[in-house]
C-alpha atoms as a PDB file:
ATOM      1  CA  MET A   1      -0.490 -13.637 -14.103  1.00  0.00           C
ATOM      2  CA  LEU A   2       1.666 -11.809 -11.753  1.00  0.00           C
ATOM      3  CA  LEU A   3       4.646 -12.058 -13.976  1.00  0.00           C
ATOM      4  CA  LEU A   4       2.409 -10.675 -16.531  1.00  0.00           C
ATOM      5  CA  LEU A   5       0.967  -7.705 -14.700  1.00  0.00           C
ATOM      6  CA  SER A   6       4.474  -6.922 -13.670  1.00  0.00           C
ATOM      7  CA  ALA A   7       5.600  -7.215 -17.697  1.00  0.00           C
ATOM      8  CA  SER A   8       2.436  -5.404 -18.651  1.00  0.00           C
ATOM      9  CA  ILE A   9       3.608  -2.452 -16.341  1.00  0.00           C
ATOM     10  CA  ALA A  10       7.332  -2.546 -16.616  1.00  0.00           C
ATOM     11  CA  LEU A  11       7.808  -2.646 -20.711  1.00  0.00           C
ATOM     12  CA  PRO A  12       6.089   0.995 -21.250  1.00  0.00           C
ATOM     13  CA  LEU A  13       8.948   2.175 -18.655  1.00  0.00           C
ATOM     14  CA  TRP A  14      11.522   1.547 -21.263  1.00  0.00           C
ATOM     15  CA  ALA A  15       9.621   2.237 -24.137  1.00  0.00           C
ATOM     16  CA  GLY A  16       9.619   5.643 -24.409  1.00  0.00           C
ATOM     17  CA  THR A  17       6.637   6.579 -21.716  1.00  0.00           C
ATOM     18  CA  HIS A  18       6.781   9.609 -20.200  1.00  0.00           C
ATOM     19  CA  SER A  19       8.806   9.108 -16.892  1.00  0.00           C
ATOM     20  CA  ALA A  20       6.219  10.693 -14.331  1.00  0.00           C
ATOM     21  CA  ALA A  21       3.444   8.910 -15.823  1.00  0.00           C
ATOM     22  CA  ALA A  22       5.001   5.477 -15.753  1.00  0.00           C
ATOM     23  CA  PHE A  23       6.228   5.647 -12.245  1.00  0.00           C
ATOM     24  CA  LYS A  24       2.883   6.613 -11.175  1.00  0.00           C
ATOM     25  CA  LYS A  25       1.462   3.464 -12.837  1.00  0.00           C
ATOM     26  CA  LEU A  26       4.301   1.479 -10.936  1.00  0.00           C
ATOM     27  CA  GLN A  27       3.321   3.221  -7.514  1.00  0.00           C
ATOM     28  CA  SER A  28      -0.435   2.444  -8.183  1.00  0.00           C
ATOM     29  CA  LEU A  29       0.330  -1.015  -7.931  1.00  0.00           C
ATOM     30  CA  SER A  30       1.353  -0.245  -4.131  1.00  0.00           C
ATOM     31  CA  GLY A  31       0.139  -3.537  -2.148  1.00  0.00           C
ATOM     32  CA  ASP A  32      -0.172  -7.402  -1.954  1.00  0.00           C
ATOM     33  CA  TRP A  33      -1.053  -9.384  -5.284  1.00  0.00           C
ATOM     34  CA  GLU A  34      -1.362 -12.973  -5.440  1.00  0.00           C
ATOM     35  CA  GLY A  35      -1.728 -15.036  -8.859  1.00  0.00           C
ATOM     36  CA  LYS A  36      -0.209 -18.151 -10.591  1.00  0.00           C
ATOM     37  CA  ASP A  37       2.780 -18.294 -12.804  1.00  0.00           C
ATOM     38  CA  GLY A  38       3.139 -19.961 -16.392  1.00  0.00           C
ATOM     39  CA  HIS A  39       3.396 -23.366 -14.613  1.00  0.00           C
ATOM     40  CA  GLY A  40       0.255 -22.892 -12.506  1.00  0.00           C
ATOM     41  CA  MET A  41       2.263 -22.540  -9.222  1.00  0.00           C
ATOM     42  CA  ALA A  42       1.498 -20.023  -6.943  1.00  0.00           C
ATOM     43  CA  VAL A  43       3.320 -16.653  -6.948  1.00  0.00           C
ATOM     44  CA  LYS A  44       2.794 -13.673  -4.291  1.00  0.00           C
ATOM     45  CA  THR A  45       4.114 -10.056  -5.435  1.00  0.00           C
ATOM     46  CA  SER A  46       4.232  -7.164  -3.196  1.00  0.00           C
ATOM     47  CA  PHE A  47       4.780  -3.365  -4.195  1.00  0.00           C
ATOM     48  CA  GLN A  48       5.753  -0.890  -1.641  1.00  0.00           C
ATOM     49  CA  VAL A  49       6.301   2.775  -2.099  1.00  0.00           C
ATOM     50  CA  LEU A  50       9.648   4.132  -0.203  1.00  0.00           C
ATOM     51  CA  ALA A  51      11.704   7.018   0.182  1.00  0.00           C
ATOM     52  CA  SER A  52       8.645   9.771  -0.036  1.00  0.00           C
ATOM     53  CA  GLY A  53       7.834   8.387  -3.252  1.00  0.00           C
ATOM     54  CA  THR A  54      10.872   8.343  -5.044  1.00  0.00           C
ATOM     55  CA  ALA A  55      11.372   4.713  -5.215  1.00  0.00           C
ATOM     56  CA  VAL A  56       9.277   1.627  -5.442  1.00  0.00           C
ATOM     57  CA  MET A  57      10.136  -1.943  -3.795  1.00  0.00           C
ATOM     58  CA  GLU A  58       8.870  -5.163  -5.609  1.00  0.00           C
ATOM     59  CA  THR A  59       8.986  -8.462  -4.038  1.00  0.00           C
ATOM     60  CA  LEU A  60       8.433 -11.238  -5.577  1.00  0.00           C
ATOM     61  CA  SER A  61       7.722 -14.484  -3.979  1.00  0.00           C
ATOM     62  CA  PRO A  62       7.475 -17.558  -6.036  1.00  0.00           C
ATOM     63  CA  SER A  63       6.567 -20.951  -4.393  1.00  0.00           C
ATOM     64  CA  GLY A  64       8.819 -22.878  -2.972  1.00  0.00           C
ATOM     65  CA  MET A  65      11.709 -20.354  -3.491  1.00  0.00           C
ATOM     66  CA  GLU A  66      13.502 -17.463  -1.915  1.00  0.00           C
ATOM     67  CA  ASP A  67      12.034 -13.970  -2.476  1.00  0.00           C
ATOM     68  CA  MET A  68      13.018 -11.726  -5.165  1.00  0.00           C
ATOM     69  CA  VAL A  69      13.606  -8.087  -4.892  1.00  0.00           C
ATOM     70  CA  THR A  70      13.808  -5.306  -7.277  1.00  0.00           C
ATOM     71  CA  LEU A  71      13.897  -1.810  -6.528  1.00  0.00           C
ATOM     72  CA  TYR A  72      12.763   1.035  -8.905  1.00  0.00           C
ATOM     73  CA  SER A  73      13.494   4.772  -9.107  1.00  0.00           C
ATOM     74  CA  ILE A  74      13.625   7.447 -11.469  1.00  0.00           C
ATOM     75  CA  ASP A  75      16.656   7.376 -13.708  1.00  0.00           C
ATOM     76  CA  GLY A  76      17.839  11.128 -13.523  1.00  0.00           C
ATOM     77  CA  GLY A  77      14.544  12.333 -14.217  1.00  0.00           C
ATOM     78  CA  HIS A  78      14.897  10.746 -17.436  1.00  0.00           C
ATOM     79  CA  ARG A  79      13.038   7.206 -17.267  1.00  0.00           C
ATOM     80  CA  PRO A  80      12.129   4.374 -14.334  1.00  0.00           C
ATOM     81  CA  ARG A  81      14.660   1.837 -14.047  1.00  0.00           C
ATOM     82  CA  PRO A  82      15.700  -0.816 -11.526  1.00  0.00           C
ATOM     83  CA  LEU A  83      18.314   0.380  -9.354  1.00  0.00           C
ATOM     84  CA  LEU A  84      19.713  -2.619  -8.704  1.00  0.00           C
ATOM     85  CA  PRO A  85      20.090  -5.854 -10.992  1.00  0.00           C
ATOM     86  CA  HIS A  86      17.300  -8.385 -10.388  1.00  0.00           C
ATOM     87  CA  GLU A  87      19.196 -11.481  -9.162  1.00  0.00           C
ATOM     88  CA  GLN A  88      17.899 -14.778  -7.984  1.00  0.00           C
ATOM     89  CA  PRO A  89      19.258 -15.945  -4.538  1.00  0.00           C
ATOM     90  CA  ALA A  90      21.106 -18.786  -6.261  1.00  0.00           C
ATOM     91  CA  ALA A  91      23.285 -16.454  -7.940  1.00  0.00           C
ATOM     92  CA  HIS A  92      24.512 -14.842  -4.524  1.00  0.00           C
ATOM     93  CA  ALA A  93      25.203 -18.299  -3.194  1.00  0.00           C
ATOM     94  CA  ARG A  94      27.377 -19.159  -6.426  1.00  0.00           C
ATOM     95  CA  GLY A  95      29.644 -16.041  -5.748  1.00  0.00           C
ATOM     96  CA  ALA A  96      29.899 -16.911  -2.070  1.00  0.00           C
END
């Protein structure tokens, strides 16, 4: 459910939606959310508005896995985008 919520907000961000309106939708998710993934496992996510409203940090906490973090900001005033690529913790362990 949470993944669908994130996708329903994120997809319009890259589909030509006006950047300020799309970013405000992302900011409106501020807070903690709980739901289940496609396999029925518990998932928690939180959205936090940072840097005087210029960035939004999403922390996804799937059951039994480490947290995953994505930071969003407006791309040169054109469209909201992730500032950092979304990577799972295992990807970092392989590179170490």
